C-alpha atoms as a PDB file:
ATOM      1  CA  MET A   1       3.592  10.138  17.944  1.00  0.00           C
ATOM      2  CA  ASN A   2       5.233   7.414  20.270  1.00  0.00           C
ATOM      3  CA  LEU A   3       5.108   3.750  19.401  1.00  0.00           C
ATOM      4  CA  PRO A   4       2.995   1.372  21.619  1.00  0.00           C
ATOM      5  CA  ASP A   5       5.025  -0.056  24.207  1.00  0.00           C
ATOM      6  CA  TRP A   6       4.099  -3.527  23.257  1.00  0.00           C
ATOM      7  CA  TRP A   7       5.688  -3.028  19.625  1.00  0.00           C
ATOM      8  CA  PRO A   8       8.801  -4.794  19.777  1.00  0.00           C
ATOM      9  CA  HIS A   9      10.993  -2.833  17.164  1.00  0.00           C
ATOM     10  CA  ASP A  10      12.550   0.451  17.380  1.00  0.00           C
ATOM     11  CA  LYS A  11      11.005   1.750  14.215  1.00  0.00           C
ATOM     12  CA  PRO A  12       7.386   1.558  13.164  1.00  0.00           C
ATOM     13  CA  TYR A  13       8.036  -0.880  10.437  1.00  0.00           C
ATOM     14  CA  ALA A  14       9.952  -4.179  10.663  1.00  0.00           C
ATOM     15  CA  ILE A  15      11.624  -5.981   7.602  1.00  0.00           C
ATOM     16  CA  MET A  16      10.394  -9.558   8.224  1.00  0.00           C
ATOM     17  CA  ASP A  17       7.814 -12.003   7.451  1.00  0.00           C
ATOM     18  CA  CYS A  18       4.351 -11.039   8.865  1.00  0.00           C
ATOM     19  CA  LEU A  19       3.418 -14.304  10.053  1.00  0.00           C
ATOM     20  CA  GLU A  20       6.729 -14.411  12.363  1.00  0.00           C
ATOM     21  CA  GLY A  21       6.223 -10.703  13.191  1.00  0.00           C
ATOM     22  CA  MET A  22       2.418 -10.841  14.104  1.00  0.00           C
ATOM     23  CA  LYS A  23       3.275 -13.876  16.540  1.00  0.00           C
ATOM     24  CA  GLU A  24       4.737 -10.913  18.929  1.00  0.00           C
ATOM     25  CA  LEU A  25       1.759  -8.972  18.994  1.00  0.00           C
ATOM     26  CA  PRO A  26      -0.884  -9.068  21.733  1.00  0.00           C
ATOM     27  CA  ASP A  27      -4.116  -9.931  21.138  1.00  0.00           C
ATOM     28  CA  LYS A  28      -6.485  -6.991  20.008  1.00  0.00           C
ATOM     29  CA  CYS A  29      -4.009  -4.456  20.030  1.00  0.00           C
ATOM     30  CA  VAL A  30      -4.508  -2.445  16.985  1.00  0.00           C
ATOM     31  CA  ASP A  31      -7.683  -0.780  15.962  1.00  0.00           C
ATOM     32  CA  LEU A  32      -7.472  -1.729  12.322  1.00  0.00           C
ATOM     33  CA  VAL A  33      -5.608  -3.817  10.187  1.00  0.00           C
ATOM     34  CA  LEU A  34      -5.385  -2.307   6.400  1.00  0.00           C
ATOM     35  CA  THR A  35      -3.295  -4.249   3.931  1.00  0.00           C
ATOM     36  CA  ASP A  36      -2.841  -4.739   0.184  1.00  0.00           C
ATOM     37  CA  PRO A  37      -1.478  -8.527  -0.255  1.00  0.00           C
ATOM     38  CA  PRO A  38       0.404 -10.050  -3.372  1.00  0.00           C
ATOM     39  CA  TYR A  39      -2.258 -11.325  -5.999  1.00  0.00           C
ATOM     40  CA  ASN A  40      -0.447 -14.538  -6.833  1.00  0.00           C
ATOM     41  CA  LEU A  41      -0.362 -13.317 -10.599  1.00  0.00           C
ATOM     42  CA  GLY A  42       3.227 -14.128 -10.770  1.00  0.00           C
ATOM     43  CA  ILE A  43       4.327 -10.178 -10.286  1.00  0.00           C
ATOM     44  CA  ASP A  44       7.868  -9.559  -9.376  1.00  0.00           C
ATOM     45  CA  TYR A  45       8.128  -8.227  -5.960  1.00  0.00           C
ATOM     46  CA  GLY A  46      11.629  -9.153  -5.510  1.00  0.00           C
ATOM     47  CA  ASP A  47      13.478 -12.265  -4.382  1.00  0.00           C
ATOM     48  CA  THR A  48      11.870 -12.484  -1.072  1.00  0.00           C
ATOM     49  CA  THR A  49       8.285 -12.767  -2.341  1.00  0.00           C
ATOM     50  CA  ASP A  50       6.941 -15.717  -4.217  1.00  0.00           C
ATOM     51  CA  ASP A  51       3.890 -14.434  -6.079  1.00  0.00           C
ATOM     52  CA  ASN A  52       3.265 -17.703  -7.731  1.00  0.00           C
ATOM     53  CA  ARG A  53       2.104 -20.031  -4.838  1.00  0.00           C
ATOM     54  CA  GLU A  54       0.346 -23.420  -5.088  1.00  0.00           C
ATOM     55  CA  ASP A  55      -0.706 -22.602  -1.393  1.00  0.00           C
ATOM     56  CA  TYR A  56      -1.711 -19.103  -2.011  1.00  0.00           C
ATOM     57  CA  PHE A  57      -5.254 -19.481  -0.181  1.00  0.00           C
ATOM     58  CA  ASN A  58      -3.882 -21.335   2.540  1.00  0.00           C
ATOM     59  CA  TRP A  59      -1.386 -18.936   3.316  1.00  0.00           C
ATOM     60  CA  CYS A  60      -3.910 -16.005   3.164  1.00  0.00           C
ATOM     61  CA  SER A  61      -5.859 -17.741   5.668  1.00  0.00           C
ATOM     62  CA  LYS A  62      -2.885 -17.874   8.121  1.00  0.00           C
ATOM     63  CA  TRP A  63      -2.243 -14.175   7.932  1.00  0.00           C
ATOM     64  CA  PHE A  64      -6.112 -13.680   8.083  1.00  0.00           C
ATOM     65  CA  GLU A  65      -6.698 -15.722  11.395  1.00  0.00           C
ATOM     66  CA  GLU A  66      -3.793 -13.692  12.867  1.00  0.00           C
ATOM     67  CA  CYS A  67      -5.556 -10.296  11.758  1.00  0.00           C
ATOM     68  CA  LYS A  68      -8.754 -11.712  13.780  1.00  0.00           C
ATOM     69  CA  ARG A  69      -6.683 -12.049  16.804  1.00  0.00           C
ATOM     70  CA  VAL A  70      -5.088  -8.755  16.696  1.00  0.00           C
ATOM     71  CA  THR A  71      -8.002  -6.553  15.915  1.00  0.00           C
ATOM     72  CA  ASP A  72     -11.827  -6.212  15.192  1.00  0.00           C
ATOM     73  CA  PHE A  73     -12.072  -4.864  12.012  1.00  0.00           C
ATOM     74  CA  ILE A  74      -9.954  -5.709   8.682  1.00  0.00           C
ATOM     75  CA  ILE A  75      -9.713  -4.131   5.353  1.00  0.00           C
ATOM     76  CA  ILE A  76      -7.880  -5.943   2.509  1.00  0.00           C
ATOM     77  CA  THR A  77      -7.428  -5.013  -1.218  1.00  0.00           C
ATOM     78  CA  PRO A  78      -7.021  -8.917  -2.588  1.00  0.00           C
ATOM     79  CA  GLY A  79      -7.239  -8.498  -6.388  1.00  0.00           C
ATOM     80  CA  ARG A  80     -10.191  -8.860  -8.541  1.00  0.00           C
ATOM     81  CA  TYR A  81      -9.145 -12.501  -9.679  1.00  0.00           C
ATOM     82  CA  ASN A  82      -8.889 -13.904  -5.931  1.00  0.00           C
ATOM     83  CA  ILE A  83     -12.417 -12.962  -4.816  1.00  0.00           C
ATOM     84  CA  TYR A  84     -13.714 -16.608  -5.390  1.00  0.00           C
ATOM     85  CA  GLY A  85     -11.223 -17.562  -2.436  1.00  0.00           C
ATOM     86  CA  TRP A  86     -12.317 -14.779  -0.232  1.00  0.00           C
ATOM     87  CA  ASN A  87     -16.170 -15.829  -0.772  1.00  0.00           C
ATOM     88  CA  GLU A  88     -15.815 -18.859   1.443  1.00  0.00           C
ATOM     89  CA  ILE A  89     -15.410 -16.653   4.786  1.00  0.00           C
ATOM     90  CA  ASP A  90     -18.534 -15.608   6.305  1.00  0.00           C
ATOM     91  CA  GLY A  91     -19.406 -12.120   7.221  1.00  0.00           C
ATOM     92  CA  PHE A  92     -17.354 -10.134   5.051  1.00  0.00           C
ATOM     93  CA  GLU A  93     -18.640  -7.153   3.049  1.00  0.00           C
ATOM     94  CA  MET A  94     -17.017  -5.821  -0.247  1.00  0.00           C
ATOM     95  CA  GLY A  95     -16.648  -2.169  -1.667  1.00  0.00           C
ATOM     96  CA  ILE A  96     -14.968  -1.489  -4.838  1.00  0.00           C
ATOM     97  CA  TRP A  97     -12.217   1.319  -5.620  1.00  0.00           C
ATOM     98  CA  ILE A  98     -12.043   2.357  -9.281  1.00  0.00           C
ATOM     99  CA  ASN A  99      -8.800   3.175 -10.951  1.00  0.00           C
ATOM    100  CA  LYS A 100      -8.995   6.000 -13.291  1.00  0.00           C
ATOM    101  CA  MET A 101      -5.481   5.284 -14.949  1.00  0.00           C
ATOM    102  CA  GLN A 102      -5.913   1.445 -15.141  1.00  0.00           C
ATOM    103  CA  GLN A 103      -5.902   0.223 -18.783  1.00  0.00           C
ATOM    104  CA  SER A 104      -6.185  -3.474 -18.636  1.00  0.00           C
ATOM    105  CA  ARG A 105      -8.793  -5.613 -20.470  1.00  0.00           C
ATOM    106  CA  SER A 106     -10.774  -8.426 -19.168  1.00  0.00           C
ATOM    107  CA  ARG A 107     -12.773 -10.839 -21.035  1.00  0.00           C
ATOM    108  CA  ILE A 108     -15.943  -8.905 -21.537  1.00  0.00           C
ATOM    109  CA  SER A 109     -14.692  -5.578 -21.794  1.00  0.00           C
ATOM    110  CA  TYR A 110     -11.835  -3.427 -23.408  1.00  0.00           C
ATOM    111  CA  LEU A 111     -11.351  -1.232 -20.155  1.00  0.00           C
ATOM    112  CA  SER A 112     -11.383  -3.189 -16.800  1.00  0.00           C
ATOM    113  CA  LYS A 113     -11.008  -0.291 -13.905  1.00  0.00           C
ATOM    114  CA  TRP A 114     -12.394  -1.754 -10.802  1.00  0.00           C
ATOM    115  CA  GLU A 115     -10.908  -3.553  -7.784  1.00  0.00           C
ATOM    116  CA  PRO A 116     -12.398  -5.084  -4.857  1.00  0.00           C
ATOM    117  CA  ILE A 117     -11.965  -3.963  -1.238  1.00  0.00           C
ATOM    118  CA  ILE A 118     -12.857  -6.726   1.460  1.00  0.00           C
ATOM    119  CA  PHE A 119     -13.981  -5.289   4.902  1.00  0.00           C
ATOM    120  CA  TYR A 120     -14.338  -7.924   7.782  1.00  0.00           C
ATOM    121  CA  GLY A 121     -15.768  -7.143  11.313  1.00  0.00           C
ATOM    122  CA  LYS A 122     -16.966  -4.417  13.141  1.00  0.00           C
ATOM    123  CA  PRO A 123     -15.759  -0.999  12.034  1.00  0.00           C
ATOM    124  CA  LYS A 124     -15.745   1.937  14.535  1.00  0.00           C
ATOM    125  CA  LYS A 125     -17.600   4.246  11.673  1.00  0.00           C
ATOM    126  CA  ARG A 126     -19.415   3.860   8.802  1.00  0.00           C
ATOM    127  CA  ALA A 127     -18.324   5.388   5.335  1.00  0.00           C
ATOM    128  CA  ALA A 128     -20.726   7.418   3.255  1.00  0.00           C
ATOM    129  CA  TRP A 129     -20.292   5.057   0.189  1.00  0.00           C
ATOM    130  CA  ASP A 130     -18.776   1.687  -0.601  1.00  0.00           C
ATOM    131  CA  ILE A 131     -17.235   2.906  -4.015  1.00  0.00           C
ATOM    132  CA  TRP A 132     -13.955   4.917  -4.055  1.00  0.00           C
ATOM    133  CA  SER A 133     -12.577   6.376  -7.305  1.00  0.00           C
ATOM    134  CA  TYR A 134      -8.745   7.644  -7.536  1.00  0.00           C
ATOM    135  CA  ASN A 135      -5.930   7.596  -9.862  1.00  0.00           C
ATOM    136  CA  SER A 136      -3.047   4.949  -9.077  1.00  0.00           C
ATOM    137  CA  ASN A 137       0.331   6.077  -7.633  1.00  0.00           C
ATOM    138  CA  ARG A 138       2.421   5.961 -10.754  1.00  0.00           C
ATOM    139  CA  GLY A 139       3.334   9.445 -10.598  1.00  0.00           C
ATOM    140  CA  ASP A 140       3.862   9.789  -7.212  1.00  0.00           C
ATOM    141  CA  GLY A 141       7.985   9.859  -7.207  1.00  0.00           C
ATOM    142  CA  PHE A 142       7.878   6.465  -5.303  1.00  0.00           C
ATOM    143  CA  ASN A 143       6.952   4.260  -8.218  1.00  0.00           C
ATOM    144  CA  THR A 144       9.375   1.299  -8.095  1.00  0.00           C
ATOM    145  CA  HIS A 145       6.735  -0.970  -6.522  1.00  0.00           C
ATOM    146  CA  PRO A 146       4.867  -2.893  -9.480  1.00  0.00           C
ATOM    147  CA  CYS A 147       1.405  -2.485  -7.804  1.00  0.00           C
ATOM    148  CA  PRO A 148       1.081   0.934  -6.061  1.00  0.00           C
ATOM    149  CA  LYS A 149      -2.188   1.772  -4.500  1.00  0.00           C
ATOM    150  CA  PRO A 150      -3.467   5.419  -4.456  1.00  0.00           C
ATOM    151  CA  GLN A 151      -2.339   7.201  -1.572  1.00  0.00           C
ATOM    152  CA  GLU A 152      -5.759   9.087  -1.622  1.00  0.00           C
ATOM    153  CA  LEU A 153      -7.688   5.701  -1.305  1.00  0.00           C
ATOM    154  CA  PHE A 154      -5.810   5.008   1.773  1.00  0.00           C
ATOM    155  CA  PHE A 155      -6.257   8.254   3.119  1.00  0.00           C
ATOM    156  CA  LYS A 156     -10.004   7.907   2.703  1.00  0.00           C
ATOM    157  CA  LEU A 157     -10.315   4.306   4.044  1.00  0.00           C
ATOM    158  CA  ILE A 158      -8.325   5.359   6.968  1.00  0.00           C
ATOM    159  CA  THR A 159     -10.459   8.257   7.801  1.00  0.00           C
ATOM    160  CA  ASP A 160     -13.645   6.664   7.056  1.00  0.00           C
ATOM    161  CA  PHE A 161     -12.691   3.685   9.338  1.00  0.00           C
ATOM    162  CA  SER A 162     -10.664   4.770  12.108  1.00  0.00           C
ATOM    163  CA  ASN A 163     -10.139   7.859  14.456  1.00  0.00           C
ATOM    164  CA  LYS A 164      -6.981  10.117  15.033  1.00  0.00           C
ATOM    165  CA  ASN A 165      -4.434   8.383  17.224  1.00  0.00           C
ATOM    166  CA  ASP A 166      -5.625   4.887  16.296  1.00  0.00           C
ATOM    167  CA  ILE A 167      -2.989   1.968  15.558  1.00  0.00           C
ATOM    168  CA  ILE A 168      -3.242   0.832  12.160  1.00  0.00           C
ATOM    169  CA  LEU A 169      -1.399  -2.374  11.203  1.00  0.00           C
ATOM    170  CA  ASP A 170      -0.299  -3.208   7.576  1.00  0.00           C
ATOM    171  CA  LEU A 171       1.526  -6.542   6.731  1.00  0.00           C
ATOM    172  CA  PHE A 172       2.752  -5.715   3.331  1.00  0.00           C
ATOM    173  CA  LEU A 173       4.162  -2.431   3.481  1.00  0.00           C
ATOM    174  CA  GLY A 174       5.665  -2.444   0.119  1.00  0.00           C
ATOM    175  CA  SER A 175       7.206   1.032  -1.137  1.00  0.00           C
ATOM    176  CA  GLY A 176       5.467   2.629   2.241  1.00  0.00           C
ATOM    177  CA  THR A 177       2.456   4.340   0.741  1.00  0.00           C
ATOM    178  CA  LEU A 178       0.139   3.208   3.929  1.00  0.00           C
ATOM    179  CA  LEU A 179       2.929   4.141   6.385  1.00  0.00           C
ATOM    180  CA  GLU A 180       3.085   7.843   5.094  1.00  0.00           C
ATOM    181  CA  SER A 181      -0.720   7.764   4.967  1.00  0.00           C
ATOM    182  CA  CYS A 182      -1.258   6.912   8.505  1.00  0.00           C
ATOM    183  CA  ARG A 183       1.496   9.771   9.442  1.00  0.00           C
ATOM    184  CA  LYS A 184      -0.447  12.487   7.420  1.00  0.00           C
ATOM    185  CA  THR A 185      -3.622  11.424   9.058  1.00  0.00           C
ATOM    186  CA  ASN A 186      -2.382  11.248  12.890  1.00  0.00           C
ATOM    187  CA  ARG A 187      -2.885   7.666  13.048  1.00  0.00           C
ATOM    188  CA  ILE A 188      -0.002   5.356  14.554  1.00  0.00           C
ATOM    189  CA  GLY A 189       0.961   3.103  11.415  1.00  0.00           C
ATOM    190  CA  LEU A 190       2.700  -0.134  12.267  1.00  0.00           C
ATOM    191  CA  ARG A 191       4.096  -2.187   9.155  1.00  0.00           C
ATOM    192  CA  PHE A 192       5.809  -5.513   8.167  1.00  0.00           C
ATOM    193  CA  GLU A 193       7.499  -5.996   4.975  1.00  0.00           C
ATOM    194  CA  ILE A 194       9.364  -8.856   3.929  1.00  0.00           C
ATOM    195  CA  ASN A 195      11.535  -7.414   1.213  1.00  0.00           C
ATOM    196  CA  PRO A 196      14.697  -5.381   2.402  1.00  0.00           C
ATOM    197  CA  GLU A 197      15.065  -3.750  -1.045  1.00  0.00           C
ATOM    198  CA  TYR A 198      11.986  -1.538  -0.259  1.00  0.00           C
ATOM    199  CA  GLU A 199      13.444  -0.049   3.078  1.00  0.00           C
ATOM    200  CA  PRO A 200      15.339   3.055   1.248  1.00  0.00           C
ATOM    201  CA  ILE A 201      11.989   3.905   0.074  1.00  0.00           C
ATOM    202  CA  ILE A 202      10.253   3.623   3.029  1.00  0.00           C
ATOM    203  CA  ARG A 203      12.505   5.546   4.991  1.00  0.00           C
ATOM    204  CA  LYS A 204      12.630   8.422   2.487  1.00  0.00           C
ATOM    205  CA  ARG A 205       8.713   8.555   2.537  1.00  0.00           C
ATOM    206  CA  GLY A 206       8.691   8.857   6.361  1.00  0.00           C
ATOM    207  CA  MET A 207      11.392  11.429   6.812  1.00  0.00           C
ATOM    208  CA  ASP A 208      11.313  13.931   3.787  1.00  0.00           C
ATOM    209  CA  GLU A 209       8.271  16.185   4.855  1.00  0.00           C
ATOM    210  CA  GLU A 210       7.125  17.702   8.282  1.00  0.00           C
ATOM    211  CA  LEU A 211       3.829  19.330   9.352  1.00  0.00           C
ATOM    212  CA  ILE A 212       4.116  23.069   9.255  1.00  0.00           C
ATOM    213  CA  ASN A 213       1.057  24.930  10.293  1.00  0.00           C
ATOM    214  CA  GLY A 214      -1.197  22.173   9.394  1.00  0.00           C
ATOM    215  CA  LYS A 215       0.142  21.579   6.064  1.00  0.00           C
ATOM    216  CA  TRP A 216       3.255  19.134   4.888  1.00  0.00           C
ATOM    217  CA  HIS A 217       6.181  20.699   3.373  1.00  0.00           C
ATOM    218  CA  LYS A 218       9.700  19.197   1.900  1.00  0.00           C
ATOM    219  CA  LYS A 219      12.500  19.115   4.662  1.00  0.00           C
ATOM    220  CA  GLN A 220      15.205  21.161   4.298  1.00  0.00           C
ATOM    221  CA  GLU A 221      17.583  18.392   5.873  1.00  0.00           C
ATOM    222  CA  GLN A 222      17.159  14.693   6.073  1.00  0.00           C
ATOM    223  CA  GLN A 223      16.719  13.576   9.782  1.00  0.00           C
ATOM    224  CA  GLU A 224      16.652  10.177  11.624  1.00  0.00           C
ATOM    225  CA  TRP A 225      13.215   8.328  11.437  1.00  0.00           C
ATOM    226  CA  TRP A 226      10.742   8.856  14.445  1.00  0.00           C
END
């Protein structure tokens, strides 16, 4: 698939602050924003990301406003302890993904295995359910990211709420799970990631497989991106 003419970069991702990157994008240019932002829990994402911000929800509101400008439908995995801040937004719906591998505790249970998903705007399609259940990505071979989401979850959200050849934007690419998910579902995935430490992983995820007779196979030789 070709990159859109309006995308100002020569790769489907850009290593830069998403707030700066989105300023370069035209209005209503993407079909879906699907993103997994930092949770503001003090997690170490690298030197370029502050996950302990006093202005966290003010910062979220800035990139959320940009999301509303560039698309009609937004999906966010905000983290369970941030729901109170997103509740102030009118018109959002909430679903749940259940992490079968999660072993954390909450104040009321020994095993707390669910995470919220926020939906905002008008989707092209409706899903059959609003609950998804998948294992985490800890064993996928790209587990250097501290909070990986299941690729199967992204596959399902992408196919439930977009069509083939749609353009999907992610503001916080991390180790590249969503970019790979778009490629494998025949969507055009465009991404921002502020931390340059993740770029070698992102490149590997985009280069080490090819589609042969409808199935993805490991490549014999590495090739340049795109």
